[in-house]
Amino acid sequence: APTGGFTLGTPVATTSGTSIDFTGIPAGTKIINVLFKGVSTNGTASKRLQIMESGGTSGFDYVSNGSRIVNTTVASEGVTSSFLIKSELAVEALHGTIQLVLENATTNTWSAGGVLADIASSNNCYITSGGKTLPAALATVRLTTSNGTDTFDAGELNISYI
């Protein structure tokens, strides 16, 4: 019988501040689920998920695309500074999961993919995918915004990892 499974982090209220960090992710972690429950901000900047090594910065070498789907209209954007969540309205409350998977332990290369929804205000769907290589083992996952100044004002964020 299996003796281990995902470790669930401690939920963090996303009701203040300009970024939410999960630090101290153990070396050897291979999968991280970033769990959104009604996460929103007070502004119109897109949301950004970033990964970094211990004491490091996020850098700009992401390969990422974020899409927003409203009915039959799709708006997509590629960025190199984060995994993009193309949620750009203050009223949007994001629900869902973005999964980070270690693709190569020797090069610390991670892949990301996920789908988020906002059904309360606009029936939007958000898709994000991409990859990033870190100079050392991943230790921090951060949620922020593209302008770095919009403030989180509702919801909860958590992670689980294995």
Protein backbone atom coordinates (compact mmCIF):
# COMPACT_ATOMS: atom_id res chain seq x y z
CA ALA A 1 0.00 0.00 0.00
CA PRO A 2 1.20 3.55 -0.67
CA THR A 3 2.84 5.16 2.34
CA GLY A 4 3.00 8.74 1.10
CA GLY A 5 1.10 11.26 -0.89
CA PHE A 6 0.72 14.95 -1.44
CA THR A 7 1.52 17.28 1.44
CA LEU A 8 -1.12 20.00 1.75
CA GLY A 9 0.19 23.43 2.68
CA THR A 10 -1.53 25.95 4.91
CA PRO A 11 -4.17 28.04 3.11
CA VAL A 12 -3.32 31.74 2.79
CA ALA A 13 -6.05 34.38 2.63
CA THR A 14 -5.60 36.48 -0.50
CA THR A 15 -7.23 39.52 1.03
CA SER A 16 -4.25 41.90 1.25
CA GLY A 17 -0.79 42.51 -0.12
CA THR A 18 0.64 42.62 -3.64
CA SER A 19 2.08 39.08 -3.68
CA ILE A 20 1.55 35.74 -1.98
CA ASP A 21 4.61 33.52 -1.39
CA PHE A 22 4.89 29.85 -0.50
CA THR A 23 8.46 29.32 0.71
CA GLY A 24 10.45 26.40 2.04
CA ILE A 25 9.32 23.91 -0.58
CA PRO A 26 11.50 20.87 0.15
CA ALA A 27 14.32 19.81 -2.18
CA GLY A 28 13.27 16.77 -4.17
CA THR A 29 9.73 18.03 -4.76
CA LYS A 30 8.50 16.87 -8.15
CA ILE A 31 4.91 18.16 -8.43
CA ILE A 32 3.32 21.28 -6.98
CA ASN A 33 -0.38 22.08 -7.27
CA VAL A 34 -1.29 25.75 -6.81
CA LEU A 35 -4.91 25.83 -5.64
CA PHE A 36 -7.10 28.91 -6.19
CA LYS A 37 -10.35 29.56 -4.31
CA GLY A 38 -12.01 32.85 -5.30
CA VAL A 39 -8.71 34.76 -5.71
CA SER A 40 -9.08 38.34 -6.94
CA THR A 41 -7.37 41.72 -6.89
CA ASN A 42 -8.52 45.34 -6.85
CA GLY A 43 -7.04 46.17 -10.25
CA THR A 44 -6.83 45.23 -13.90
CA ALA A 45 -3.27 43.86 -14.14
CA SER A 46 -2.94 40.21 -15.17
CA LYS A 47 -1.98 37.69 -12.50
CA ARG A 48 1.47 36.09 -12.62
CA LEU A 49 2.72 32.82 -11.11
CA GLN A 50 6.48 32.75 -10.54
CA ILE A 51 8.92 30.12 -9.30
CA MET A 52 12.37 30.65 -7.82
CA GLU A 53 15.21 28.92 -6.03
CA SER A 54 16.11 29.66 -2.41
CA GLY A 55 17.20 33.29 -2.09
CA GLY A 56 16.74 33.79 -5.83
CA THR A 57 14.63 35.92 -8.08
CA SER A 58 12.12 34.84 -10.68
CA GLY A 59 14.13 36.02 -13.69
CA PHE A 60 12.90 36.50 -17.24
CA ASP A 61 13.53 33.21 -19.01
CA TYR A 62 10.03 31.74 -18.80
CA VAL A 63 8.37 30.33 -21.89
CA SER A 64 4.72 31.05 -21.13
CA ASN A 65 1.36 31.66 -22.73
CA GLY A 66 -1.84 32.70 -21.03
CA SER A 67 -5.28 32.72 -22.63
CA ARG A 68 -8.63 34.11 -21.59
CA ILE A 69 -11.73 32.55 -23.11
CA VAL A 70 -15.07 34.37 -23.01
CA ASN A 71 -17.83 32.57 -24.94
CA THR A 72 -16.18 32.05 -28.35
CA THR A 73 -13.61 34.85 -28.03
CA VAL A 74 -10.02 33.94 -27.14
CA ALA A 75 -7.32 36.43 -26.17
CA SER A 76 -3.80 35.04 -25.76
CA GLU A 77 -0.47 36.53 -24.76
CA GLY A 78 3.05 35.18 -24.44
CA VAL A 79 5.38 36.43 -21.70
CA THR A 80 8.89 35.66 -20.44
CA SER A 81 8.57 36.99 -16.86
CA SER A 82 6.18 34.43 -15.34
CA PHE A 83 3.45 31.91 -15.97
CA LEU A 84 0.69 34.24 -17.18
CA ILE A 85 -2.90 34.13 -15.90
CA LYS A 86 -4.72 36.49 -18.28
CA SER A 87 -7.27 37.62 -15.67
CA GLU A 88 -7.50 41.39 -16.11
CA LEU A 89 -10.65 42.54 -14.32
CA ALA A 90 -10.97 43.43 -10.65
CA VAL A 91 -14.28 41.56 -10.34
CA GLU A 92 -12.88 38.18 -11.43
CA ALA A 93 -12.65 35.53 -8.70
CA LEU A 94 -10.36 32.70 -9.83
CA HIS A 95 -11.03 29.05 -8.98
CA GLY A 96 -9.01 26.03 -10.10
CA THR A 97 -5.50 24.58 -10.16
CA ILE A 98 -2.19 25.25 -11.87
CA GLN A 99 0.19 22.31 -11.71
CA LEU A 100 3.99 22.65 -11.75
CA VAL A 101 5.86 19.47 -12.71
CA LEU A 102 9.62 18.89 -12.53
CA GLU A 103 10.58 17.90 -16.07
CA ASN A 104 14.35 17.45 -15.52
CA ALA A 105 15.90 17.21 -12.04
CA THR A 106 19.45 17.67 -13.37
CA THR A 107 18.66 21.04 -14.98
CA ASN A 108 15.87 22.10 -12.56
CA THR A 109 13.47 22.51 -15.46
CA TRP A 110 9.78 22.87 -14.62
CA SER A 111 6.65 22.70 -16.76
CA ALA A 112 3.40 24.43 -15.84
CA GLY A 113 -0.18 24.02 -16.95
CA GLY A 114 -3.59 24.75 -15.59
CA VAL A 115 -7.11 25.97 -16.04
CA LEU A 116 -8.90 28.51 -13.87
CA ALA A 117 -12.49 29.70 -14.03
CA ASP A 118 -14.47 32.73 -12.95
CA ILE A 119 -18.18 31.94 -12.97
CA ALA A 120 -19.38 34.51 -10.46
CA SER A 121 -18.87 37.62 -12.58
CA SER A 122 -18.13 36.76 -16.18
CA ASN A 123 -18.06 33.03 -17.04
CA ASN A 124 -14.44 33.29 -18.15
CA CYS A 125 -11.91 30.48 -18.48
CA TYR A 126 -8.15 31.03 -18.14
CA ILE A 127 -5.53 28.64 -19.48
CA THR A 128 -1.83 28.91 -18.69
CA SER A 129 1.11 26.81 -19.80
CA GLY A 130 4.85 27.06 -20.09
CA GLY A 131 8.23 26.13 -18.75
CA LYS A 132 11.21 27.52 -16.85
CA THR A 133 14.69 26.34 -15.89
CA LEU A 134 16.00 27.44 -12.47
CA PRO A 135 19.70 27.69 -11.49
CA ALA A 136 19.01 25.51 -8.40
CA ALA A 137 16.18 23.53 -6.79
CA LEU A 138 12.79 25.27 -6.62
CA ALA A 139 12.06 26.66 -3.14
CA THR A 140 9.40 29.37 -3.63
CA VAL A 141 6.14 29.79 -5.55
CA ARG A 142 4.79 33.35 -5.81
CA LEU A 143 1.48 34.77 -7.07
CA THR A 144 1.60 38.45 -7.98
CA THR A 145 0.36 40.80 -10.71
CA SER A 146 2.00 42.17 -13.85
CA ASN A 147 2.27 45.68 -12.39
CA GLY A 148 3.24 44.52 -8.88
CA THR A 149 0.95 47.10 -7.27
CA ASP A 150 -2.60 45.69 -7.52
CA THR A 151 -3.69 44.37 -4.12
CA PHE A 152 -5.30 41.00 -3.45
CA ASP A 153 -8.78 41.56 -2.03
CA ALA A 154 -10.63 38.21 -1.83
CA GLY A 155 -10.17 34.48 -1.75
CA GLU A 156 -7.65 31.90 -0.63
CA LEU A 157 -4.57 30.25 -2.13
CA ASN A 158 -2.86 26.99 -1.15
CA ILE A 159 -0.39 24.48 -2.48
CA SER A 160 0.02 20.74 -2.31
CA TYR A 161 3.26 18.98 -3.27
CA ILE A 162 4.92 15.63 -3.55
